[in-house]
Protein backbone atom coordinates (compact mmCIF):
# COMPACT_ATOMS: atom_id res chain seq x y z
CA MET A 1 6.31 -32.65 -40.48
CA ASN A 2 4.75 -29.99 -38.19
CA PRO A 3 5.08 -30.51 -34.25
CA PRO A 4 1.99 -31.58 -32.65
CA ARG A 5 -0.42 -29.01 -31.19
CA LEU A 6 -0.25 -29.03 -27.35
CA LEU A 7 -3.28 -26.76 -26.88
CA ALA A 8 -6.39 -26.18 -29.50
CA ASP A 9 -6.06 -22.76 -31.22
CA HIS A 10 -9.49 -21.77 -29.12
CA SER A 11 -8.29 -23.14 -25.80
CA PRO A 12 -8.65 -20.61 -22.93
CA LEU A 13 -5.37 -22.09 -21.79
CA ARG A 14 -3.76 -21.10 -25.07
CA ALA A 15 -4.49 -17.38 -24.21
CA LEU A 16 -3.07 -17.60 -20.85
CA ALA A 17 0.07 -18.89 -22.08
CA PRO A 18 1.89 -15.46 -22.96
CA LEU A 19 0.71 -14.00 -19.68
CA CYS A 20 2.15 -16.94 -17.96
CA LEU A 21 5.47 -16.54 -19.54
CA ALA A 22 5.51 -12.64 -18.92
CA LEU A 23 4.85 -13.38 -15.12
CA LEU A 24 7.47 -16.12 -15.12
CA LEU A 25 10.09 -13.61 -16.57
CA MET A 26 9.25 -10.82 -14.41
CA ALA A 27 9.94 -13.39 -11.33
CA MET A 28 13.12 -14.24 -12.62
CA ALA A 29 14.17 -10.65 -13.23
CA GLY A 30 14.07 -9.80 -9.41
CA PRO A 31 12.63 -6.75 -7.84
CA VAL A 32 11.99 -3.60 -9.81
CA PRO A 33 14.52 -0.84 -8.63
CA GLN A 34 12.70 2.61 -7.53
CA VAL A 35 14.17 5.37 -9.22
CA LEU A 36 13.25 8.94 -8.30
CA ARG A 37 14.29 12.72 -9.22
CA TYR A 38 14.33 15.57 -7.25
CA HIS A 39 15.04 19.31 -7.47
CA GLU A 40 17.31 20.94 -4.53
CA GLN A 41 17.30 24.69 -4.33
CA THR A 42 19.56 26.91 -2.03
CA GLY A 43 19.09 30.35 -2.60
CA ASP A 44 20.00 31.28 -6.05
CA GLU A 45 21.49 27.45 -6.49
CA SER A 46 19.59 24.80 -7.84
CA SER A 47 20.43 21.11 -8.94
CA ILE A 48 18.76 18.03 -10.10
CA PHE A 49 19.76 14.61 -8.36
CA SER A 50 18.46 11.12 -8.67
CA TRP A 51 17.56 8.60 -6.26
CA ARG A 52 17.54 4.99 -6.41
CA ALA A 53 16.53 2.08 -4.31
CA ASP A 54 17.76 -1.63 -5.06
CA ARG A 55 16.12 -4.39 -2.83
CA THR A 56 17.41 -7.69 -2.61
CA ASP A 57 15.08 -10.67 -3.67
CA ASN A 58 13.99 -11.34 -0.24
CA GLY A 59 13.80 -7.75 0.77
CA ALA A 60 16.40 -8.29 3.61
CA THR A 61 18.52 -5.30 2.61
CA VAL A 62 17.82 -2.15 0.43
CA THR A 63 20.75 -0.13 -1.04
CA VAL A 64 19.96 3.50 -1.54
CA THR A 65 22.29 5.24 -4.21
CA GLN A 66 22.07 9.27 -4.63
CA HIS A 67 24.01 10.77 -7.61
CA GLN A 68 24.17 14.49 -6.78
CA GLY A 69 26.58 16.46 -9.34
CA ALA A 70 30.00 15.15 -8.47
CA GLU A 71 28.95 13.47 -5.14
CA VAL A 72 27.55 9.83 -4.79
CA PHE A 73 25.96 8.70 -1.49
CA SER A 74 25.50 4.86 -1.20
CA SER A 75 24.21 2.99 1.68
CA VAL A 76 23.17 -0.59 2.59
CA ASN A 77 20.11 -0.65 4.85
CA THR A 78 17.96 -3.33 6.56
CA GLY A 79 14.22 -3.52 5.13
CA GLU A 80 13.17 -1.74 8.27
CA GLY A 81 15.22 1.48 7.82
CA THR A 82 18.48 0.67 9.75
CA THR A 83 21.68 1.54 8.12
CA LEU A 84 24.57 -1.15 7.84
CA SER A 85 27.12 0.63 5.68
CA TRP A 86 27.65 3.84 3.84
CA ARG A 87 29.92 5.31 1.05
CA TYR A 88 30.59 8.71 0.08
CA VAL A 89 32.56 9.61 -3.18
CA ARG A 90 33.34 12.89 -4.33
CA GLU A 91 36.06 12.71 -7.13
CA PRO A 92 39.02 13.31 -7.16
CA ASP A 93 40.09 13.33 -3.53
CA THR A 94 37.16 11.73 -1.33
CA ASP A 95 36.05 8.20 -1.18
CA VAL A 96 35.19 7.22 2.52
CA ARG A 97 33.36 3.90 3.61
CA VAL A 98 31.68 3.71 7.00
CA GLU A 99 30.56 0.34 8.68
CA ARG A 100 28.85 -0.54 11.91
CA THR A 101 29.77 -3.17 14.03
CA GLY A 102 28.26 -3.63 17.38
CA ASP A 103 28.23 -0.10 19.08
CA ARG A 104 31.01 1.17 16.85
CA LEU A 105 31.46 3.04 13.41
CA ARG A 106 34.55 2.36 11.41
CA PHE A 107 35.66 4.85 9.02
CA SER A 108 38.21 4.09 6.17
CA GLY A 109 39.33 5.67 2.90
CA ARG A 110 40.16 9.29 2.05
CA PHE A 111 38.34 12.53 2.68
CA ALA A 112 39.44 15.90 0.91
CA GLY A 113 42.58 14.17 0.21
CA ARG A 114 43.54 13.05 3.58
CA PRO A 115 43.73 9.32 4.56
CA VAL A 116 40.74 8.21 7.17
CA GLU A 117 41.17 5.26 9.56
CA ARG A 118 39.27 5.52 12.56
CA THR A 119 36.82 3.90 14.84
CA GLN A 120 34.04 5.75 16.71
CA ALA A 121 32.02 4.50 19.48
CA ILE A 122 28.26 5.13 19.43
CA ASP A 123 25.52 3.55 21.45
CA GLY A 124 22.68 1.13 20.59
CA ARG A 125 20.61 3.44 18.89
CA PRO A 126 20.08 2.89 15.23
CA TRP A 127 22.07 4.40 12.19
CA TYR A 128 19.83 6.47 9.84
CA GLN A 129 22.04 7.66 7.14
CA PRO A 130 19.74 8.16 4.09
CA LEU A 131 16.99 9.99 6.11
CA SER A 132 14.86 9.94 3.07
CA PHE A 133 14.42 6.40 3.13
CA CYS A 134 15.12 5.50 6.99
CA LEU A 135 12.34 8.23 8.29
CA GLN A 136 10.18 6.78 5.58
CA ARG A 137 10.33 3.49 7.04
CA MET A 138 9.56 4.84 10.45
CA VAL A 139 6.51 6.51 8.84
CA ALA A 140 5.50 3.43 7.30
CA ARG A 141 5.22 1.49 10.54
CA GLU A 142 3.34 4.19 12.08
CA GLN A 143 6.26 4.89 14.67
CA PRO A 144 5.82 8.55 16.48
CA ASP A 145 9.41 9.23 17.14
CA ALA A 146 12.65 7.81 17.11
CA THR A 147 16.40 8.91 18.20
CA PHE A 148 19.30 7.63 16.00
CA TRP A 149 22.88 8.42 14.69
CA THR A 150 23.63 10.09 11.48
CA ILE A 151 27.05 11.23 9.77
CA ARG A 152 27.43 14.78 8.41
CA PRO A 153 28.94 14.26 5.13
CA ASP A 154 30.96 17.70 5.16
CA THR A 155 32.70 16.84 8.28
CA LEU A 156 32.13 12.77 8.85
CA GLU A 157 30.83 13.83 12.49
CA ALA A 158 28.46 11.43 14.08
CA LEU A 159 25.53 13.04 15.47
CA ALA A 160 22.96 12.00 18.05
CA MET A 161 19.32 13.07 16.41
CA GLN A 162 15.70 12.74 17.06
CA ALA A 163 12.90 12.65 14.74
CA HIS A 164 9.23 13.22 15.58
CA ARG A 165 6.05 12.92 13.30
CA ASP A 166 4.22 16.10 13.60
CA GLY A 167 0.89 15.89 11.86
CA SER A 168 0.39 16.37 8.20
CA ASP A 169 0.26 19.03 5.21
CA PRO A 170 -1.04 19.31 1.55
CA ILE A 171 2.12 19.40 -0.50
CA PRO A 172 1.89 20.86 -4.17
CA GLY A 173 2.21 18.08 -6.55
CA ASP A 174 4.53 18.29 -9.63
CA ARG A 175 1.47 17.27 -11.56
CA GLY A 176 -2.04 17.55 -10.65
CA GLY A 177 -3.37 18.86 -7.40
CA PRO A 178 -1.84 18.81 -3.74
CA GLN A 179 -0.86 15.63 -1.96
CA THR A 180 -1.34 14.95 1.47
CA ALA A 181 1.81 14.25 3.59
CA ASP A 182 3.10 13.26 7.02
CA ARG A 183 5.45 15.65 8.26
CA VAL A 184 8.54 14.51 10.23
CA VAL A 185 10.65 16.92 12.37
CA ILE A 186 14.27 16.09 12.91
CA ARG A 187 16.53 17.96 15.70
CA LEU A 188 19.80 17.33 17.31
CA ASP A 189 19.33 15.13 20.46
CA GLY A 190 19.79 16.25 23.96
CA LEU A 191 20.13 20.09 25.27
CA LEU A 192 21.16 21.27 21.65
CA SER A 193 17.84 20.38 20.27
CA ALA A 194 16.49 23.83 20.25
CA LEU A 195 19.11 25.24 18.14
CA TRP A 196 18.18 23.75 14.73
CA GLN A 197 15.57 21.70 13.00
CA ALA A 198 14.55 20.63 9.46
CA GLU A 199 11.48 19.03 8.12
CA TYR A 200 10.58 15.98 5.74
CA TRP A 201 7.30 15.17 4.30
CA PHE A 202 6.20 11.77 3.09
CA ARG A 203 3.16 11.15 0.95
CA GLN A 204 0.28 9.29 2.79
CA GLY A 205 -0.46 5.75 1.49
CA ASP A 206 2.81 4.62 -0.10
CA HIS A 207 5.13 6.87 2.05
CA LEU A 208 7.10 8.33 -0.92
CA PHE A 209 9.33 10.99 0.05
CA LEU A 210 8.09 14.14 -1.37
CA GLN A 211 9.60 17.33 0.41
CA TYR A 212 12.31 18.45 2.75
CA ARG A 213 13.17 22.01 4.20
CA GLY A 214 16.18 23.08 6.23
CA THR A 215 18.82 25.43 6.75
CA HIS A 216 22.48 24.10 6.58
CA GLY A 217 24.53 26.73 7.95
CA PRO A 218 24.58 29.61 10.64
CA PRO A 219 21.92 32.14 10.88
CA GLY A 220 21.23 34.15 7.72
CA THR A 221 22.16 30.92 5.47
CA ALA A 222 19.48 30.53 2.62
CA GLU A 223 17.07 27.66 3.27
CA THR A 224 17.53 24.53 1.28
CA ARG A 225 14.56 22.96 -0.18
CA ILE A 226 14.07 19.42 -2.20
CA CYS A 227 11.07 18.50 -3.72
CA LEU A 228 10.26 15.52 -5.91
CA ILE A 229 10.07 15.78 -9.63
CA SER A 230 8.62 12.49 -10.69
CA PRO A 231 6.58 10.47 -10.54
């Protein structure tokens, strides 16, 4: 005996049933991660790295993970773009974790083969570790400038920084024509602000990180440029 038909063959509700099931399955699966690829060029050296953002179901935290050659950078951030913890791994001799508690950063693990176990006092300014994400949130809420702390991965030095929105520019797209992007300039905070700067660009509309330019070294060092490959 066949089971009874709950919906007639030509019922409008019958046509909606597959769509409702698909929406239910998407809701159960949770937020879809954002995965991007970028090209980095410094002089004659170039590489491709992946960037991924995973949001919790309620959007309270966002985990940003960047795989770049032998290095992996991972951070847990608030939805507003403030970093809560960070991990830097470079096999075989580096695995550093940093967590913020109040106005202190606690470092643990090993760096270049040496054990790390220390605490550094900072102040009440936010901690921005993946600037590609944290500055994006600053732009999204139309904040004109910010001061913050960030950690240099090559030295583990905590630096006081400042960021300022500085107009917009057309940025050549990987596909199609140029895209208009908001420019954010970052500098060291305080008296050393004139010694160095770098620039980030975020696409207008969805605030996607499109491009970076900066020099990571003394005068004469080749400029580093990062550009979005996809989407």
